Amino acid sequence: GVAAATRRPGPAVGSVRMGPGGWLSVRGAPAR
């Protein structure tokens, strides 16, 4: 329980991938 409570969360932004047309696609990023 202590180990689970003190575990750091994962990254706020997902992986960066190449999207269609050469645009970068960032999964999980808030839309600007």
PDB file of all heavy atoms in Angstrom:
ATOM      1  N   GLY A   1       0.821  -1.216   0.000  1.00  0.00           N
ATOM      2  CA  GLY A   1       0.000   0.000   0.000  1.00  0.00           C
ATOM      3  C   GLY A   1       0.850   1.260   0.000  1.00  0.00           C
ATOM      4  O   GLY A   1       0.561   2.212  -0.726  1.00  0.00           O
ATOM      5  N   VAL A   2       1.894   1.272   0.808  1.00  0.00           N
ATOM      6  CA  VAL A   2       2.792   2.436   0.834  1.00  0.00           C
ATOM      7  C   VAL A   2       3.513   2.568  -0.500  1.00  0.00           C
ATOM      8  O   VAL A   2       3.676   3.673  -1.029  1.00  0.00           O
ATOM      9  CB  VAL A   2       3.791   2.316   2.009  1.00  0.00           C
ATOM     10  CG1 VAL A   2       4.908   3.337   1.896  1.00  0.00           C
ATOM     11  CG2 VAL A   2       3.063   2.469   3.331  1.00  0.00           C
ATOM     12  N   ALA A   3       3.940   1.458  -1.071  1.00  0.00           N
ATOM     13  CA  ALA A   3       4.628   1.509  -2.372  1.00  0.00           C
ATOM     14  C   ALA A   3       3.692   2.034  -3.455  1.00  0.00           C
ATOM     15  O   ALA A   3       4.101   2.819  -4.312  1.00  0.00           O
ATOM     16  CB  ALA A   3       5.152   0.126  -2.747  1.00  0.00           C
ATOM     17  N   ALA A   4       2.436   1.625  -3.428  1.00  0.00           N
ATOM     18  CA  ALA A   4       1.483   2.107  -4.436  1.00  0.00           C
ATOM     19  C   ALA A   4       1.154   3.575  -4.225  1.00  0.00           C
ATOM     20  O   ALA A   4       0.960   4.326  -5.186  1.00  0.00           O
ATOM     21  CB  ALA A   4       0.206   1.275  -4.386  1.00  0.00           C
ATOM     22  N   ALA A   5       1.105   4.020  -2.978  1.00  0.00           N
ATOM     23  CA  ALA A   5       0.767   5.422  -2.701  1.00  0.00           C
ATOM     24  C   ALA A   5       1.908   6.367  -3.063  1.00  0.00           C
ATOM     25  O   ALA A   5       1.671   7.513  -3.447  1.00  0.00           O
ATOM     26  CB  ALA A   5       0.411   5.582  -1.224  1.00  0.00           C
ATOM     27  N   THR A   6       3.133   5.906  -2.955  1.00  0.00           N
ATOM     28  CA  THR A   6       4.273   6.781  -3.233  1.00  0.00           C
ATOM     29  C   THR A   6       4.794   6.641  -4.652  1.00  0.00           C
ATOM     30  O   THR A   6       5.777   7.289  -5.010  1.00  0.00           O
ATOM     31  CB  THR A   6       5.424   6.492  -2.251  1.00  0.00           C
ATOM     32  OG1 THR A   6       5.807   5.128  -2.374  1.00  0.00           O
ATOM     33  CG2 THR A   6       4.998   6.784  -0.833  1.00  0.00           C
ATOM     34  N   ARG A   7       4.133   5.814  -5.462  1.00  0.00           N
ATOM     35  CA  ARG A   7       4.575   5.617  -6.843  1.00  0.00           C
ATOM     36  C   ARG A   7       4.300   6.862  -7.670  1.00  0.00           C
ATOM     37  O   ARG A   7       3.245   7.460  -7.567  1.00  0.00           O
ATOM     38  CB  ARG A   7       3.829   4.431  -7.444  1.00  0.00           C
ATOM     39  CG  ARG A   7       4.283   4.077  -8.805  1.00  0.00           C
ATOM     40  CD  ARG A   7       3.617   2.786  -9.262  1.00  0.00           C
ATOM     41  NE  ARG A   7       3.936   2.577 -10.651  1.00  0.00           N
ATOM     42  CZ  ARG A   7       3.029   2.540 -11.611  1.00  0.00           C
ATOM     43  NH1 ARG A   7       1.764   2.629 -11.332  1.00  0.00           N
ATOM     44  NH2 ARG A   7       3.401   2.365 -12.848  1.00  0.00           N
ATOM     45  N   ARG A   8       5.264   7.240  -8.470  1.00  0.00           N
ATOM     46  CA  ARG A   8       5.096   8.416  -9.320  1.00  0.00           C
ATOM     47  C   ARG A   8       4.178   8.091 -10.478  1.00  0.00           C
ATOM     48  O   ARG A   8       4.253   7.016 -11.056  1.00  0.00           O
ATOM     49  CB  ARG A   8       6.443   8.864  -9.877  1.00  0.00           C
ATOM     50  CG  ARG A   8       7.335   9.478  -8.839  1.00  0.00           C
ATOM     51  CD  ARG A   8       8.643   9.929  -9.397  1.00  0.00           C
ATOM     52  NE  ARG A   8       8.555  10.318 -10.801  1.00  0.00           N
ATOM     53  CZ  ARG A   8       9.591  10.524 -11.576  1.00  0.00           C
ATOM     54  NH1 ARG A   8      10.785  10.360 -11.106  1.00  0.00           N
ATOM     55  NH2 ARG A   8       9.435  10.873 -12.841  1.00  0.00           N
ATOM     56  N   PRO A   9       3.322   9.034 -10.840  1.00  0.00           N
ATOM     57  CA  PRO A   9       2.452   8.779 -11.998  1.00  0.00           C
ATOM     58  C   PRO A   9       3.264   8.796 -13.286  1.00  0.00           C
ATOM     59  O   PRO A   9       4.384   9.301 -13.332  1.00  0.00           O
ATOM     60  CB  PRO A   9       1.457   9.932 -11.959  1.00  0.00           C
ATOM     61  CG  PRO A   9       2.166  11.019 -11.231  1.00  0.00           C
ATOM     62  CD  PRO A   9       3.075  10.340 -10.249  1.00  0.00           C
ATOM     63  N   GLY A  10       2.671   8.253 -14.330  1.00  0.00           N
ATOM     64  CA  GLY A  10       3.338   8.237 -15.628  1.00  0.00           C
ATOM     65  C   GLY A  10       3.422   9.642 -16.210  1.00  0.00           C
ATOM     66  O   GLY A  10       2.959  10.622 -15.627  1.00  0.00           O
ATOM     67  N   PRO A  11       4.005   9.779 -17.371  1.00  0.00           N
ATOM     68  CA  PRO A  11       4.132  11.099 -17.975  1.00  0.00           C
ATOM     69  C   PRO A  11       2.767  11.671 -18.328  1.00  0.00           C
ATOM     70  O   PRO A  11       1.826  10.950 -18.630  1.00  0.00           O
ATOM     71  CB  PRO A  11       4.961  10.848 -19.234  1.00  0.00           C
ATOM     72  CG  PRO A  11       4.772   9.408 -19.533  1.00  0.00           C
ATOM     73  CD  PRO A  11       4.564   8.735 -18.223  1.00  0.00           C
ATOM     74  N   ALA A  12       2.669  13.009 -18.279  1.00  0.00           N
ATOM     75  CA  ALA A  12       1.404  13.676 -18.572  1.00  0.00           C
ATOM     76  C   ALA A  12       1.092  13.639 -20.060  1.00  0.00           C
ATOM     77  O   ALA A  12      -0.054  13.745 -20.458  1.00  0.00           O
ATOM     78  CB  ALA A  12       1.466  15.121 -18.088  1.00  0.00           C
ATOM     79  N   VAL A  13       2.113  13.513 -20.880  1.00  0.00           N
ATOM     80  CA  VAL A  13       1.921  13.492 -22.329  1.00  0.00           C
ATOM     81  C   VAL A  13       2.387  12.143 -22.847  1.00  0.00           C
ATOM     82  O   VAL A  13       3.398  11.620 -22.419  1.00  0.00           O
ATOM     83  CB  VAL A  13       2.734  14.630 -22.999  1.00  0.00           C
ATOM     84  CG1 VAL A  13       2.598  14.558 -24.494  1.00  0.00           C
ATOM     85  CG2 VAL A  13       2.281  15.963 -22.480  1.00  0.00           C
ATOM     86  N   GLY A  14       1.628  11.590 -23.770  1.00  0.00           N
ATOM     87  CA  GLY A  14       1.966  10.289 -24.329  1.00  0.00           C
ATOM     88  C   GLY A  14       3.117  10.378 -25.306  1.00  0.00           C
ATOM     89  O   GLY A  14       3.860  11.365 -25.375  1.00  0.00           O
ATOM     90  N   SER A  15       3.247   9.360 -26.091  1.00  0.00           N
ATOM     91  CA  SER A  15       4.360   9.272 -27.020  1.00  0.00           C
ATOM     92  C   SER A  15       4.169  10.233 -28.197  1.00  0.00           C
ATOM     93  O   SER A  15       3.063  10.565 -28.583  1.00  0.00           O
ATOM     94  CB  SER A  15       4.489   7.846 -27.537  1.00  0.00           C
ATOM     95  OG  SER A  15       3.303   7.486 -28.213  1.00  0.00           O
ATOM     96  N   VAL A  16       5.281  10.675 -28.748  1.00  0.00           N
ATOM     97  CA  VAL A  16       5.271  11.568 -29.906  1.00  0.00           C
ATOM     98  C   VAL A  16       5.465  10.710 -31.143  1.00  0.00           C
ATOM     99  O   VAL A  16       6.401   9.930 -31.223  1.00  0.00           O
ATOM    100  CB  VAL A  16       6.385  12.633 -29.790  1.00  0.00           C
ATOM    101  CG1 VAL A  16       6.394  13.517 -31.003  1.00  0.00           C
ATOM    102  CG2 VAL A  16       6.215  13.442 -28.524  1.00  0.00           C
ATOM    103  N   ARG A  17       4.568  10.858 -32.099  1.00  0.00           N
ATOM    104  CA  ARG A  17       4.651  10.066 -33.334  1.00  0.00           C
ATOM    105  C   ARG A  17       4.503  10.990 -34.537  1.00  0.00           C
ATOM    106  O   ARG A  17       3.996  12.090 -34.424  1.00  0.00           O
ATOM    107  CB  ARG A  17       3.546   9.023 -33.369  1.00  0.00           C
ATOM    108  CG  ARG A  17       3.674   8.041 -32.236  1.00  0.00           C
ATOM    109  CD  ARG A  17       2.545   7.073 -32.259  1.00  0.00           C
ATOM    110  NE  ARG A  17       2.615   6.254 -31.063  1.00  0.00           N
ATOM    111  CZ  ARG A  17       2.530   4.962 -31.056  1.00  0.00           C
ATOM    112  NH1 ARG A  17       2.355   4.308 -32.165  1.00  0.00           N
ATOM    113  NH2 ARG A  17       2.608   4.285 -29.953  1.00  0.00           N
ATOM    114  N   MET A  18       4.925  10.485 -35.664  1.00  0.00           N
ATOM    115  CA  MET A  18       4.777  11.236 -36.900  1.00  0.00           C
ATOM    116  C   MET A  18       3.356  11.027 -37.400  1.00  0.00           C
ATOM    117  O   MET A  18       2.922   9.914 -37.624  1.00  0.00           O
ATOM    118  CB  MET A  18       5.784  10.751 -37.940  1.00  0.00           C
ATOM    119  CG  MET A  18       5.821  11.610 -39.175  1.00  0.00           C
ATOM    120  SD  MET A  18       6.387  13.284 -38.865  1.00  0.00           S
ATOM    121  CE  MET A  18       8.100  13.022 -38.568  1.00  0.00           C
ATOM    122  N   GLY A  19       2.624  12.114 -37.549  1.00  0.00           N
ATOM    123  CA  GLY A  19       1.250  12.050 -38.009  1.00  0.00           C
ATOM    124  C   GLY A  19       1.162  12.117 -39.522  1.00  0.00           C
ATOM    125  O   GLY A  19       2.178  12.131 -40.227  1.00  0.00           O
ATOM    126  N   PRO A  20      -0.049  12.176 -40.031  1.00  0.00           N
ATOM    127  CA  PRO A  20      -0.219  12.247 -41.478  1.00  0.00           C
ATOM    128  C   PRO A  20       0.316  13.566 -42.032  1.00  0.00           C
ATOM    129  O   PRO A  20       0.165  14.613 -41.429  1.00  0.00           O
ATOM    130  CB  PRO A  20      -1.734  12.128 -41.665  1.00  0.00           C
ATOM    131  CG  PRO A  20      -2.316  12.510 -40.359  1.00  0.00           C
ATOM    132  CD  PRO A  20      -1.323  12.161 -39.322  1.00  0.00           C
ATOM    133  N   GLY A  21       0.951  13.501 -43.150  1.00  0.00           N
ATOM    134  CA  GLY A  21       1.474  14.711 -43.783  1.00  0.00           C
ATOM    135  C   GLY A  21       2.742  15.233 -43.139  1.00  0.00           C
ATOM    136  O   GLY A  21       3.174  16.341 -43.419  1.00  0.00           O
ATOM    137  N   GLY A  22       3.365  14.466 -42.263  1.00  0.00           N
ATOM    138  CA  GLY A  22       4.609  14.913 -41.639  1.00  0.00           C
ATOM    139  C   GLY A  22       4.405  15.729 -40.385  1.00  0.00           C
ATOM    140  O   GLY A  22       5.353  16.229 -39.799  1.00  0.00           O
ATOM    141  N   TRP A  23       3.180  15.885 -39.912  1.00  0.00           N
ATOM    142  CA  TRP A  23       2.916  16.632 -38.682  1.00  0.00           C
ATOM    143  C   TRP A  23       3.229  15.750 -37.490  1.00  0.00           C
ATOM    144  O   TRP A  23       3.066  14.551 -37.533  1.00  0.00           O
ATOM    145  CB  TRP A  23       1.451  17.065 -38.619  1.00  0.00           C
ATOM    146  CG  TRP A  23       1.087  18.059 -39.654  1.00  0.00           C
ATOM    147  CD1 TRP A  23       0.618  17.812 -40.905  1.00  0.00           C
ATOM    148  CD2 TRP A  23       1.187  19.458 -39.532  1.00  0.00           C
ATOM    149  NE1 TRP A  23       0.405  18.963 -41.573  1.00  0.00           N
ATOM    150  CE2 TRP A  23       0.746  20.011 -40.754  1.00  0.00           C
ATOM    151  CE3 TRP A  23       1.601  20.314 -38.533  1.00  0.00           C
ATOM    152  CZ2 TRP A  23       0.709  21.377 -40.982  1.00  0.00           C
ATOM    153  CZ3 TRP A  23       1.559  21.667 -38.759  1.00  0.00           C
ATOM    154  CH2 TRP A  23       1.124  22.186 -39.979  1.00  0.00           C
ATOM    155  N   LEU A  24       3.672  16.363 -36.411  1.00  0.00           N
ATOM    156  CA  LEU A  24       3.920  15.618 -35.181  1.00  0.00           C
ATOM    157  C   LEU A  24       2.606  15.412 -34.450  1.00  0.00           C
ATOM    158  O   LEU A  24       1.794  16.317 -34.345  1.00  0.00           O
ATOM    159  CB  LEU A  24       4.882  16.362 -34.269  1.00  0.00           C
ATOM    160  CG  LEU A  24       6.335  16.374 -34.721  1.00  0.00           C
ATOM    161  CD1 LEU A  24       7.167  17.154 -33.725  1.00  0.00           C
ATOM    162  CD2 LEU A  24       6.870  14.983 -34.866  1.00  0.00           C
ATOM    163  N   SER A  25       2.408  14.215 -33.976  1.00  0.00           N
ATOM    164  CA  SER A  25       1.208  13.872 -33.223  1.00  0.00           C
ATOM    165  C   SER A  25       1.623  13.510 -31.807  1.00  0.00           C
ATOM    166  O   SER A  25       2.417  12.609 -31.603  1.00  0.00           O
ATOM    167  CB  SER A  25       0.504  12.690 -33.882  1.00  0.00           C
ATOM    168  OG  SER A  25      -0.571  12.275 -33.091  1.00  0.00           O
ATOM    169  N   VAL A  26       1.102  14.249 -30.827  1.00  0.00           N
ATOM    170  CA  VAL A  26       1.420  13.998 -29.430  1.00  0.00           C
ATOM    171  C   VAL A  26       0.165  13.463 -28.764  1.00  0.00           C
ATOM    172  O   VAL A  26      -0.822  14.178 -28.645  1.00  0.00           O
ATOM    173  CB  VAL A  26       1.909  15.278 -28.723  1.00  0.00           C
ATOM    174  CG1 VAL A  26       2.254  14.974 -27.276  1.00  0.00           C
ATOM    175  CG2 VAL A  26       3.101  15.861 -29.447  1.00  0.00           C
ATOM    176  N   ARG A  27       0.204  12.221 -28.339  1.00  0.00           N
ATOM    177  CA  ARG A  27      -0.966  11.609 -27.715  1.00  0.00           C
ATOM    178  C   ARG A  27      -1.105  12.104 -26.284  1.00  0.00           C
ATOM    179  O   ARG A  27      -0.161  12.142 -25.536  1.00  0.00           O
ATOM    180  CB  ARG A  27      -0.836  10.105 -27.718  1.00  0.00           C
ATOM    181  CG  ARG A  27      -0.714   9.564 -29.118  1.00  0.00           C
ATOM    182  CD  ARG A  27      -0.848   8.113 -29.123  1.00  0.00           C
ATOM    183  NE  ARG A  27      -2.286   7.848 -29.013  1.00  0.00           N
ATOM    184  CZ  ARG A  27      -2.819   6.661 -28.945  1.00  0.00           C
ATOM    185  NH1 ARG A  27      -2.058   5.615 -28.948  1.00  0.00           N
ATOM    186  NH2 ARG A  27      -4.116   6.499 -28.860  1.00  0.00           N
ATOM    187  N   GLY A  28      -2.317  12.477 -25.925  1.00  0.00           N
ATOM    188  CA  GLY A  28      -2.601  12.886 -24.558  1.00  0.00           C
ATOM    189  C   GLY A  28      -2.308  14.337 -24.268  1.00  0.00           C
ATOM    190  O   GLY A  28      -2.504  14.784 -23.144  1.00  0.00           O
ATOM    191  N   ALA A  29      -1.812  15.083 -25.225  1.00  0.00           N
ATOM    192  CA  ALA A  29      -1.519  16.495 -24.992  1.00  0.00           C
ATOM    193  C   ALA A  29      -2.809  17.301 -25.061  1.00  0.00           C
ATOM    194  O   ALA A  29      -3.686  17.014 -25.866  1.00  0.00           O
ATOM    195  CB  ALA A  29      -0.528  17.015 -26.034  1.00  0.00           C
ATOM    196  N   PRO A  30      -2.951  18.313 -24.219  1.00  0.00           N
ATOM    197  CA  PRO A  30      -4.153  19.135 -24.304  1.00  0.00           C
ATOM    198  C   PRO A  30      -4.149  19.930 -25.608  1.00  0.00           C
ATOM    199  O   PRO A  30      -3.109  20.388 -26.074  1.00  0.00           O
ATOM    200  CB  PRO A  30      -4.051  20.054 -23.086  1.00  0.00           C
ATOM    201  CG  PRO A  30      -2.609  20.062 -22.724  1.00  0.00           C
ATOM    202  CD  PRO A  30      -2.055  18.738 -23.151  1.00  0.00           C
ATOM    203  N   ALA A  31      -5.310  20.081 -26.180  1.00  0.00           N
ATOM    204  CA  ALA A  31      -5.410  20.816 -27.443  1.00  0.00           C
ATOM    205  C   ALA A  31      -5.192  22.305 -27.192  1.00  0.00           C
ATOM    206  O   ALA A  31      -5.744  22.881 -26.267  1.00  0.00           O
ATOM    207  CB  ALA A  31      -6.777  20.582 -28.063  1.00  0.00           C
ATOM    208  N   ARG A  32      -4.370  22.911 -28.011  1.00  0.00           N
ATOM    209  CA  ARG A  32      -4.121  24.350 -27.884  1.00  0.00           C
ATOM    210  C   ARG A  32      -5.051  25.077 -28.833  1.00  0.00           C
ATOM    211  O   ARG A  32      -5.138  24.765 -30.005  1.00  0.00           O
ATOM    212  CB  ARG A  32      -2.668  24.664 -28.236  1.00  0.00           C
ATOM    213  CG  ARG A  32      -1.703  24.026 -27.254  1.00  0.00           C
ATOM    214  CD  ARG A  32      -0.296  24.349 -27.595  1.00  0.00           C
ATOM    215  NE  ARG A  32      -0.087  25.766 -27.414  1.00  0.00           N
ATOM    216  CZ  ARG A  32       0.955  26.442 -27.873  1.00  0.00           C
ATOM    217  NH1 ARG A  32       1.886  25.818 -28.519  1.00  0.00           N
ATOM    218  NH2 ARG A  32       1.065  27.729 -27.672  1.00  0.00           N
TER     219      ARG A  32
END
